[in-house]
Amino acid sequence: MGILSRSTLREFWETHPDAEAALKTWYHEAAHANWKSPADIKATHRNVSIIANNRVVFNIKGNRYRLIVAIRYDIGIILIRFVGTHAEYDRVDAETV
């Protein structure tokens, strides 16, 4: 999968260094994935939340952080929309961010 906005992840781990390894692991796994549908993601990430507008919410670092991505399954592109703490996540609309 192609992933856009990796800088969003880097900016986050610069202020939350404990998230760096987990975000790099997610990035590596997603870049090498071939997700064609939400079911493909669920097959390897059981705790992921599939929500409206092709958004997917991943739990990062043992659910300490949240990552929201928008996925275009038809062209194999992931757009990083949000990464943050649970408190920050609670203040955004995951379906539209």
PDB file of N, CA and C in Angstrom:
ATOM      1  N   MET A   1       0.863  -1.182   0.000  1.00  0.00           N
ATOM      2  CA  MET A   1       0.000   0.000   0.000  1.00  0.00           C
ATOM      3  C   MET A   1       0.905   1.241   0.000  1.00  0.00           C
ATOM      4  N   GLY A   2       0.476   2.238  -0.715  1.00  0.00           N
ATOM      5  CA  GLY A   2       1.160   3.516  -0.641  1.00  0.00           C
ATOM      6  C   GLY A   2       0.631   4.291   0.556  1.00  0.00           C
ATOM      7  N   ILE A   3       1.506   4.956   1.261  1.00  0.00           N
ATOM      8  CA  ILE A   3       1.092   5.686   2.465  1.00  0.00           C
ATOM      9  C   ILE A   3       1.483   7.154   2.307  1.00  0.00           C
ATOM     10  N   LEU A   4       0.483   8.020   2.443  1.00  0.00           N
ATOM     11  CA  LEU A   4       0.723   9.459   2.342  1.00  0.00           C
ATOM     12  C   LEU A   4       0.729  10.089   3.729  1.00  0.00           C
ATOM     13  N   SER A   5       1.555  11.081   3.877  1.00  0.00           N
ATOM     14  CA  SER A   5       1.645  11.878   5.110  1.00  0.00           C
ATOM     15  C   SER A   5       2.409  11.181   6.226  1.00  0.00           C
ATOM     16  N   ARG A   6       3.499  10.490   5.871  1.00  0.00           N
ATOM     17  CA  ARG A   6       4.335   9.869   6.905  1.00  0.00           C
ATOM     18  C   ARG A   6       4.865  10.920   7.883  1.00  0.00           C
ATOM     19  N   SER A   7       5.013  12.141   7.405  1.00  0.00           N
ATOM     20  CA  SER A   7       5.507  13.217   8.274  1.00  0.00           C
ATOM     21  C   SER A   7       4.601  13.415   9.486  1.00  0.00           C
ATOM     22  N   THR A   8       3.322  13.111   9.346  1.00  0.00           N
ATOM     23  CA  THR A   8       2.392  13.210  10.475  1.00  0.00           C
ATOM     24  C   THR A   8       2.832  12.269  11.591  1.00  0.00           C
ATOM     25  N   LEU A   9       3.248  11.069  11.222  1.00  0.00           N
ATOM     26  CA  LEU A   9       3.731  10.108  12.218  1.00  0.00           C
ATOM     27  C   LEU A   9       5.016  10.606  12.862  1.00  0.00           C
ATOM     28  N   ARG A  10       5.944  11.070  12.038  1.00  0.00           N
ATOM     29  CA  ARG A  10       7.238  11.539  12.546  1.00  0.00           C
ATOM     30  C   ARG A  10       7.048  12.715  13.514  1.00  0.00           C
ATOM     31  N   GLU A  11       6.189  13.656  13.151  1.00  0.00           N
ATOM     32  CA  GLU A  11       5.943  14.796  14.031  1.00  0.00           C
ATOM     33  C   GLU A  11       5.366  14.329  15.373  1.00  0.00           C
ATOM     34  N   PHE A  12       4.522  13.310  15.326  1.00  0.00           N
ATOM     35  CA  PHE A  12       3.930  12.812  16.558  1.00  0.00           C
ATOM     36  C   PHE A  12       4.974  12.147  17.443  1.00  0.00           C
ATOM     37  N   TRP A  13       5.804  11.287  16.863  1.00  0.00           N
ATOM     38  CA  TRP A  13       6.767  10.579  17.712  1.00  0.00           C
ATOM     39  C   TRP A  13       7.893  11.485  18.194  1.00  0.00           C
ATOM     40  N   GLU A  14       8.072  12.629  17.550  1.00  0.00           N
ATOM     41  CA  GLU A  14       9.048  13.586  18.065  1.00  0.00           C
ATOM     42  C   GLU A  14       8.584  14.177  19.392  1.00  0.00           C
ATOM     43  N   THR A  15       7.272  14.281  19.599  1.00  0.00           N
ATOM     44  CA  THR A  15       6.754  14.788  20.869  1.00  0.00           C
ATOM     45  C   THR A  15       6.320  13.665  21.808  1.00  0.00           C
ATOM     46  N   HIS A  16       6.176  12.448  21.272  1.00  0.00           N
ATOM     47  CA  HIS A  16       5.817  11.260  22.061  1.00  0.00           C
ATOM     48  C   HIS A  16       6.776  10.135  21.679  1.00  0.00           C
ATOM     49  N   PRO A  17       8.035  10.220  22.149  1.00  0.00           N
ATOM     50  CA  PRO A  17       9.059   9.261  21.716  1.00  0.00           C
ATOM     51  C   PRO A  17       8.706   7.795  21.994  1.00  0.00           C
ATOM     52  N   ASP A  18       7.869   7.547  22.983  1.00  0.00           N
ATOM     53  CA  ASP A  18       7.504   6.157  23.286  1.00  0.00           C
ATOM     54  C   ASP A  18       6.633   5.539  22.190  1.00  0.00           C
ATOM     55  N   ALA A  19       6.100   6.356  21.302  1.00  0.00           N
ATOM     56  CA  ALA A  19       5.261   5.853  20.210  1.00  0.00           C
ATOM     57  C   ALA A  19       6.063   5.532  18.947  1.00  0.00           C
ATOM     58  N   GLU A  20       7.320   5.933  18.902  1.00  0.00           N
ATOM     59  CA  GLU A  20       8.096   5.804  17.668  1.00  0.00           C
ATOM     60  C   GLU A  20       8.188   4.371  17.158  1.00  0.00           C
ATOM     61  N   ALA A  21       8.591   3.440  17.987  1.00  0.00           N
ATOM     62  CA  ALA A  21       8.754   2.055  17.530  1.00  0.00           C
ATOM     63  C   ALA A  21       7.436   1.463  17.046  1.00  0.00           C
ATOM     64  N   ALA A  22       6.354   1.724  17.769  1.00  0.00           N
ATOM     65  CA  ALA A  22       5.049   1.177  17.389  1.00  0.00           C
ATOM     66  C   ALA A  22       4.561   1.779  16.074  1.00  0.00           C
ATOM     67  N   LEU A  23       4.772   3.075  15.879  1.00  0.00           N
ATOM     68  CA  LEU A  23       4.344   3.715  14.636  1.00  0.00           C
ATOM     69  C   LEU A  23       5.191   3.254  13.452  1.00  0.00           C
ATOM     70  N   LYS A  24       6.482   3.069  13.670  1.00  0.00           N
ATOM     71  CA  LYS A  24       7.335   2.556  12.598  1.00  0.00           C
ATOM     72  C   LYS A  24       6.940   1.131  12.226  1.00  0.00           C
ATOM     73  N   THR A  25       6.588   0.331  13.225  1.00  0.00           N
ATOM     74  CA  THR A  25       6.127  -1.033  12.957  1.00  0.00           C
ATOM     75  C   THR A  25       4.837  -1.004  12.162  1.00  0.00           C
ATOM     76  N   TRP A  26       3.872  -0.171  12.569  1.00  0.00           N
ATOM     77  CA  TRP A  26       2.623  -0.058  11.816  1.00  0.00           C
ATOM     78  C   TRP A  26       2.903   0.364  10.379  1.00  0.00           C
ATOM     79  N   TYR A  27       3.755   1.360  10.202  1.00  0.00           N
ATOM     80  CA  TYR A  27       4.061   1.866   8.867  1.00  0.00           C
ATOM     81  C   TYR A  27       4.648   0.761   7.986  1.00  0.00           C
ATOM     82  N   HIS A  28       5.589   0.040   8.513  1.00  0.00           N
ATOM     83  CA  HIS A  28       6.225  -1.042   7.755  1.00  0.00           C
ATOM     84  C   HIS A  28       5.195  -2.108   7.358  1.00  0.00           C
ATOM     85  N   GLU A  29       4.351  -2.512   8.313  1.00  0.00           N
ATOM     86  CA  GLU A  29       3.327  -3.519   8.027  1.00  0.00           C
ATOM     87  C   GLU A  29       2.330  -3.014   6.982  1.00  0.00           C
ATOM     88  N   ALA A  30       1.875  -1.781   7.129  1.00  0.00           N
ATOM     89  CA  ALA A  30       0.886  -1.236   6.204  1.00  0.00           C
ATOM     90  C   ALA A  30       1.478  -1.049   4.807  1.00  0.00           C
ATOM     91  N   ALA A  31       2.721  -0.621   4.736  1.00  0.00           N
ATOM     92  CA  ALA A  31       3.359  -0.409   3.441  1.00  0.00           C
ATOM     93  C   ALA A  31       3.487  -1.713   2.664  1.00  0.00           C
ATOM     94  N   HIS A  32       3.632  -2.818   3.369  1.00  0.00           N
ATOM     95  CA  HIS A  32       3.787  -4.119   2.718  1.00  0.00           C
ATOM     96  C   HIS A  32       2.477  -4.902   2.612  1.00  0.00           C
ATOM     97  N   ALA A  33       1.403  -4.311   3.103  1.00  0.00           N
ATOM     98  CA  ALA A  33       0.100  -4.980   3.055  1.00  0.00           C
ATOM     99  C   ALA A  33      -0.518  -4.835   1.665  1.00  0.00           C
ATOM    100  N   ASN A  34      -1.511  -5.652   1.417  1.00  0.00           N
ATOM    101  CA  ASN A  34      -2.275  -5.573   0.172  1.00  0.00           C
ATOM    102  C   ASN A  34      -3.754  -5.640   0.534  1.00  0.00           C
ATOM    103  N   TRP A  35      -4.208  -4.641   1.295  1.00  0.00           N
ATOM    104  CA  TRP A  35      -5.576  -4.616   1.766  1.00  0.00           C
ATOM    105  C   TRP A  35      -6.510  -4.229   0.631  1.00  0.00           C
ATOM    106  N   LYS A  36      -7.461  -5.087   0.344  1.00  0.00           N
ATOM    107  CA  LYS A  36      -8.445  -4.827  -0.701  1.00  0.00           C
ATOM    108  C   LYS A  36      -9.822  -4.518  -0.117  1.00  0.00           C
ATOM    109  N   SER A  37      -9.962  -4.751   1.200  1.00  0.00           N
ATOM    110  CA  SER A  37     -11.246  -4.516   1.862  1.00  0.00           C
ATOM    111  C   SER A  37     -11.009  -4.410   3.369  1.00  0.00           C
ATOM    112  N   PRO A  38     -11.995  -3.897   4.101  1.00  0.00           N
ATOM    113  CA  PRO A  38     -11.869  -3.860   5.558  1.00  0.00           C
ATOM    114  C   PRO A  38     -11.643  -5.256   6.154  1.00  0.00           C
ATOM    115  N   ALA A  39     -12.215  -6.278   5.547  1.00  0.00           N
ATOM    116  CA  ALA A  39     -12.041  -7.648   6.060  1.00  0.00           C
ATOM    117  C   ALA A  39     -10.573  -8.060   6.032  1.00  0.00           C
ATOM    118  N   ASP A  40      -9.825  -7.597   5.037  1.00  0.00           N
ATOM    119  CA  ASP A  40      -8.396  -7.909   4.967  1.00  0.00           C
ATOM    120  C   ASP A  40      -7.647  -7.322   6.164  1.00  0.00           C
ATOM    121  N   ILE A  41      -8.039  -6.125   6.570  1.00  0.00           N
ATOM    122  CA  ILE A  41      -7.394  -5.496   7.729  1.00  0.00           C
ATOM    123  C   ILE A  41      -7.766  -6.249   9.000  1.00  0.00           C
ATOM    124  N   LYS A  42      -9.050  -6.555   9.148  1.00  0.00           N
ATOM    125  CA  LYS A  42      -9.534  -7.272  10.332  1.00  0.00           C
ATOM    126  C   LYS A  42      -8.852  -8.639  10.489  1.00  0.00           C
ATOM    127  N   ALA A  43      -8.461  -9.243   9.374  1.00  0.00           N
ATOM    128  CA  ALA A  43      -7.825 -10.559   9.432  1.00  0.00           C
ATOM    129  C   ALA A  43      -6.486 -10.511  10.167  1.00  0.00           C
ATOM    130  N   THR A  44      -5.805  -9.383  10.130  1.00  0.00           N
ATOM    131  CA  THR A  44      -4.510  -9.276  10.801  1.00  0.00           C
ATOM    132  C   THR A  44      -4.506  -8.334  12.005  1.00  0.00           C
ATOM    133  N   HIS A  45      -5.494  -7.463  12.081  1.00  0.00           N
ATOM    134  CA  HIS A  45      -5.602  -6.496  13.183  1.00  0.00           C
ATOM    135  C   HIS A  45      -6.999  -6.614  13.778  1.00  0.00           C
ATOM    136  N   ARG A  46      -7.189  -7.553  14.667  1.00  0.00           N
ATOM    137  CA  ARG A  46      -8.528  -7.832  15.206  1.00  0.00           C
ATOM    138  C   ARG A  46      -9.131  -6.680  15.977  1.00  0.00           C
ATOM    139  N   ASN A  47      -8.311  -5.822  16.568  1.00  0.00           N
ATOM    140  CA  ASN A  47      -8.830  -4.732  17.396  1.00  0.00           C
ATOM    141  C   ASN A  47      -9.028  -3.430  16.632  1.00  0.00           C
ATOM    142  N   VAL A  48      -8.878  -3.459  15.335  1.00  0.00           N
ATOM    143  CA  VAL A  48      -9.065  -2.262  14.529  1.00  0.00           C
ATOM    144  C   VAL A  48     -10.554  -1.920  14.466  1.00  0.00           C
ATOM    145  N   SER A  49     -10.852  -0.620  14.346  1.00  0.00           N
ATOM    146  CA  SER A  49     -12.241  -0.187  14.189  1.00  0.00           C
ATOM    147  C   SER A  49     -12.427   0.311  12.761  1.00  0.00           C
ATOM    148  N   ILE A  50     -13.378  -0.295  12.075  1.00  0.00           N
ATOM    149  CA  ILE A  50     -13.729   0.119  10.723  1.00  0.00           C
ATOM    150  C   ILE A  50     -14.926   1.062  10.854  1.00  0.00           C
ATOM    151  N   ILE A  51     -14.777   2.295  10.378  1.00  0.00           N
ATOM    152  CA  ILE A  51     -15.856   3.267  10.524  1.00  0.00           C
ATOM    153  C   ILE A  51     -16.218   3.845   9.152  1.00  0.00           C
ATOM    154  N   ALA A  52     -17.145   4.766   9.123  1.00  0.00           N
ATOM    155  CA  ALA A  52     -17.647   5.333   7.870  1.00  0.00           C
ATOM    156  C   ALA A  52     -16.554   6.062   7.091  1.00  0.00           C
ATOM    157  N   ASN A  53     -16.840   6.317   5.818  1.00  0.00           N
ATOM    158  CA  ASN A  53     -15.960   7.080   4.935  1.00  0.00           C
ATOM    159  C   ASN A  53     -14.593   6.425   4.727  1.00  0.00           C
ATOM    160  N   ASN A  54     -14.588   5.089   4.727  1.00  0.00           N
ATOM    161  CA  ASN A  54     -13.349   4.329   4.529  1.00  0.00           C
ATOM    162  C   ASN A  54     -12.272   4.679   5.551  1.00  0.00           C
ATOM    163  N   ARG A  55     -12.704   5.049   6.744  1.00  0.00           N
ATOM    164  CA  ARG A  55     -11.765   5.343   7.827  1.00  0.00           C
ATOM    165  C   ARG A  55     -11.531   4.084   8.648  1.00  0.00           C
ATOM    166  N   VAL A  56     -10.296   3.960   9.130  1.00  0.00           N
ATOM    167  CA  VAL A  56      -9.915   2.841   9.976  1.00  0.00           C
ATOM    168  C   VAL A  56      -9.159   3.416  11.171  1.00  0.00           C
ATOM    169  N   VAL A  57      -9.497   2.948  12.365  1.00  0.00           N
ATOM    170  CA  VAL A  57      -8.842   3.405  13.586  1.00  0.00           C
ATOM    171  C   VAL A  57      -8.002   2.249  14.137  1.00  0.00           C
ATOM    172  N   PHE A  58      -6.696   2.492  14.235  1.00  0.00           N
ATOM    173  CA  PHE A  58      -5.765   1.511  14.783  1.00  0.00           C
ATOM    174  C   PHE A  58      -5.391   1.911  16.203  1.00  0.00           C
ATOM    175  N   ASN A  59      -5.285   0.933  17.074  1.00  0.00           N
ATOM    176  CA  ASN A  59      -4.757   1.147  18.415  1.00  0.00           C
ATOM    177  C   ASN A  59      -3.249   0.993  18.336  1.00  0.00           C
ATOM    178  N   ILE A  60      -2.532   1.983  18.840  1.00  0.00           N
ATOM    179  CA  ILE A  60      -1.073   2.004  18.771  1.00  0.00           C
ATOM    180  C   ILE A  60      -0.491   1.920  20.173  1.00  0.00           C
ATOM    181  N   LYS A  61       0.554   1.137  20.298  1.00  0.00           N
ATOM    182  CA  LYS A  61       1.288   0.963  21.561  1.00  0.00           C
ATOM    183  C   LYS A  61       0.359   0.519  22.686  1.00  0.00           C
ATOM    184  N   GLY A  62      -0.245  -0.641  22.458  1.00  0.00           N
ATOM    185  CA  GLY A  62      -1.102  -1.200  23.494  1.00  0.00           C
ATOM    186  C   GLY A  62      -2.306  -0.345  23.792  1.00  0.00           C
ATOM    187  N   ASN A  63      -2.835   0.311  22.773  1.00  0.00           N
ATOM    188  CA  ASN A  63      -4.027   1.150  22.882  1.00  0.00           C
ATOM    189  C   ASN A  63      -3.761   2.470  23.609  1.00  0.00           C
ATOM    190  N   ARG A  64      -2.499   2.843  23.737  1.00  0.00           N
ATOM    191  CA  ARG A  64      -2.180   4.119  24.367  1.00  0.00           C
ATOM    192  C   ARG A  64      -2.466   5.291  23.426  1.00  0.00           C
ATOM    193  N   TYR A  65      -2.292   5.049  22.136  1.00  0.00           N
ATOM    194  CA  TYR A  65      -2.508   6.072  21.123  1.00  0.00           C
ATOM    195  C   TYR A  65      -3.478   5.556  20.062  1.00  0.00           C
ATOM    196  N   ARG A  66      -4.027   6.479  19.287  1.00  0.00           N
ATOM    197  CA  ARG A  66      -4.946   6.128  18.202  1.00  0.00           C
ATOM    198  C   ARG A  66      -4.424   6.711  16.892  1.00  0.00           C
ATOM    199  N   LEU A  67      -4.583   5.933  15.845  1.00  0.00           N
ATOM    200  CA  LEU A  67      -4.199   6.335  14.499  1.00  0.00           C
ATOM    201  C   LEU A  67      -5.411   6.172  13.597  1.00  0.00           C
ATOM    202  N   ILE A  68      -5.807   7.261  12.930  1.00  0.00           N
ATOM    203  CA  ILE A  68      -6.924   7.207  11.987  1.00  0.00           C
ATOM    204  C   ILE A  68      -6.359   7.372  10.583  1.00  0.00           C
ATOM    205  N   VAL A  69      -6.747   6.460   9.711  1.00  0.00           N
ATOM    206  CA  VAL A  69      -6.339   6.548   8.317  1.00  0.00           C
ATOM    207  C   VAL A  69      -7.573   6.465   7.428  1.00  0.00           C
ATOM    208  N   ALA A  70      -7.467   7.046   6.254  1.00  0.00           N
ATOM    209  CA  ALA A  70      -8.476   6.893   5.206  1.00  0.00           C
ATOM    210  C   ALA A  70      -7.838   5.996   4.154  1.00  0.00           C
ATOM    211  N   ILE A  71      -8.582   5.010   3.697  1.00  0.00           N
ATOM    212  CA  ILE A  71      -8.020   4.056   2.749  1.00  0.00           C
ATOM    213  C   ILE A  71      -8.810   4.054   1.455  1.00  0.00           C
ATOM    214  N   ARG A  72      -8.086   4.154   0.355  1.00  0.00           N
ATOM    215  CA  ARG A  72      -8.649   3.961  -0.982  1.00  0.00           C
ATOM    216  C   ARG A  72      -8.232   2.557  -1.407  1.00  0.00           C
ATOM    217  N   TYR A  73      -9.100   1.599  -1.124  1.00  0.00           N
ATOM    218  CA  TYR A  73      -8.793   0.204  -1.418  1.00  0.00           C
ATOM    219  C   TYR A  73      -8.589  -0.026  -2.915  1.00  0.00           C
ATOM    220  N   ASP A  74      -9.344   0.710  -3.742  1.00  0.00           N
ATOM    221  CA  ASP A  74      -9.300   0.490  -5.185  1.00  0.00           C
ATOM    222  C   ASP A  74      -7.952   0.845  -5.807  1.00  0.00           C
ATOM    223  N   ILE A  75      -7.224   1.791  -5.204  1.00  0.00           N
ATOM    224  CA  ILE A  75      -5.928   2.174  -5.757  1.00  0.00           C
ATOM    225  C   ILE A  75      -4.770   1.915  -4.786  1.00  0.00           C
ATOM    226  N   GLY A  76      -5.068   1.317  -3.635  1.00  0.00           N
ATOM    227  CA  GLY A  76      -4.020   0.930  -2.692  1.00  0.00           C
ATOM    228  C   GLY A  76      -3.306   2.081  -2.019  1.00  0.00           C
ATOM    229  N   ILE A  77      -4.067   3.086  -1.600  1.00  0.00           N
ATOM    230  CA  ILE A  77      -3.480   4.260  -0.947  1.00  0.00           C
ATOM    231  C   ILE A  77      -4.054   4.432   0.455  1.00  0.00           C
ATOM    232  N   ILE A  78      -3.164   4.693   1.407  1.00  0.00           N
ATOM    233  CA  ILE A  78      -3.540   5.011   2.786  1.00  0.00           C
ATOM    234  C   ILE A  78      -3.145   6.456   3.047  1.00  0.00           C
ATOM    235  N   LEU A  79      -4.082   7.235   3.544  1.00  0.00           N
ATOM    236  CA  LEU A  79      -3.807   8.620   3.917  1.00  0.00           C
ATOM    237  C   LEU A  79      -3.927   8.738   5.428  1.00  0.00           C
ATOM    238  N   ILE A  80      -2.842   9.100   6.051  1.00  0.00           N
ATOM    239  CA  ILE A  80      -2.843   9.274   7.504  1.00  0.00           C
ATOM    240  C   ILE A  80      -3.603  10.559   7.817  1.00  0.00           C
ATOM    241  N   ARG A  81      -4.672  10.430   8.587  1.00  0.00           N
ATOM    242  CA  ARG A  81      -5.532  11.572   8.892  1.00  0.00           C
ATOM    243  C   ARG A  81      -5.311  12.123  10.297  1.00  0.00           C
ATOM    244  N   PHE A  82      -4.915  11.254  11.240  1.00  0.00           N
ATOM    245  CA  PHE A  82      -4.792  11.689  12.638  1.00  0.00           C
ATOM    246  C   PHE A  82      -3.962  10.670  13.406  1.00  0.00           C
ATOM    247  N   VAL A  83      -3.141  11.160  14.293  1.00  0.00           N
ATOM    248  CA  VAL A  83      -2.509  10.308  15.301  1.00  0.00           C
ATOM    249  C   VAL A  83      -2.470  11.117  16.586  1.00  0.00           C
ATOM    250  N   GLY A  84      -2.866  10.487  17.685  1.00  0.00           N
ATOM    251  CA  GLY A  84      -2.906  11.233  18.939  1.00  0.00           C
ATOM    252  C   GLY A  84      -3.202  10.355  20.127  1.00  0.00           C
ATOM    253  N   THR A  85      -3.270  11.006  21.271  1.00  0.00           N
ATOM    254  CA  THR A  85      -3.613  10.328  22.514  1.00  0.00           C
ATOM    255  C   THR A  85      -5.114  10.061  22.526  1.00  0.00           C
ATOM    256  N   HIS A  86      -5.562   9.290  23.498  1.00  0.00           N
ATOM    257  CA  HIS A  86      -6.999   9.044  23.621  1.00  0.00           C
ATOM    258  C   HIS A  86      -7.760  10.341  23.875  1.00  0.00           C
ATOM    259  N   ALA A  87      -7.210  11.215  24.685  1.00  0.00           N
ATOM    260  CA  ALA A  87      -7.890  12.490  24.962  1.00  0.00           C
ATOM    261  C   ALA A  87      -8.021  13.315  23.684  1.00  0.00           C
ATOM    262  N   GLU A  88      -6.973  13.349  22.868  1.00  0.00           N
ATOM    263  CA  GLU A  88      -7.037  14.070  21.598  1.00  0.00           C
ATOM    264  C   GLU A  88      -8.025  13.400  20.640  1.00  0.00           C
ATOM    265  N   TYR A  89      -8.013  12.086  20.612  1.00  0.00           N
ATOM    266  CA  TYR A  89      -8.926  11.320  19.757  1.00  0.00           C
ATOM    267  C   TYR A  89     -10.380  11.618  20.115  1.00  0.00           C
ATOM    268  N   ASP A  90     -10.658  11.753  21.404  1.00  0.00           N
ATOM    269  CA  ASP A  90     -12.020  12.027  21.850  1.00  0.00           C
ATOM    270  C   ASP A  90     -12.538  13.383  21.360  1.00  0.00           C
ATOM    271  N   ARG A  91     -11.644  14.269  20.956  1.00  0.00           N
ATOM    272  CA  ARG A  91     -12.038  15.608  20.511  1.00  0.00           C
ATOM    273  C   ARG A  91     -12.186  15.727  18.996  1.00  0.00           C
ATOM    274  N   VAL A  92     -11.951  14.641  18.250  1.00  0.00           N
ATOM    275  CA  VAL A  92     -12.098  14.706  16.794  1.00  0.00           C
ATOM    276  C   VAL A  92     -13.246  13.808  16.346  1.00  0.00           C
ATOM    277  N   ASP A  93     -13.747  14.095  15.170  1.00  0.00           N
ATOM    278  CA  ASP A  93     -14.750  13.235  14.553  1.00  0.00           C
ATOM    279  C   ASP A  93     -14.004  12.294  13.614  1.00  0.00           C
ATOM    280  N   ALA A  94     -13.840  11.072  14.037  1.00  0.00           N
ATOM    281  CA  ALA A  94     -13.033  10.102  13.290  1.00  0.00           C
ATOM    282  C   ALA A  94     -13.550   9.859  11.875  1.00  0.00           C
ATOM    283  N   GLU A  95     -14.832  10.078  11.651  1.00  0.00           N
ATOM    284  CA  GLU A  95     -15.407   9.829  10.329  1.00  0.00           C
ATOM    285  C   GLU A  95     -15.106  10.955   9.337  1.00  0.00           C
ATOM    286  N   THR A  96     -14.738  12.124   9.832  1.00  0.00           N
ATOM    287  CA  THR A  96     -14.526  13.243   8.926  1.00  0.00           C
ATOM    288  C   THR A  96     -13.116  13.838   8.999  1.00  0.00           C
ATOM    289  N   VAL A  97     -12.357  13.487   9.976  1.00  0.00           N
ATOM    290  CA  VAL A  97     -11.018  14.048  10.127  1.00  0.00           C
ATOM    291  C   VAL A  97     -10.157  13.704   8.925  1.00  0.00           C
TER     292      VAL A  97
END
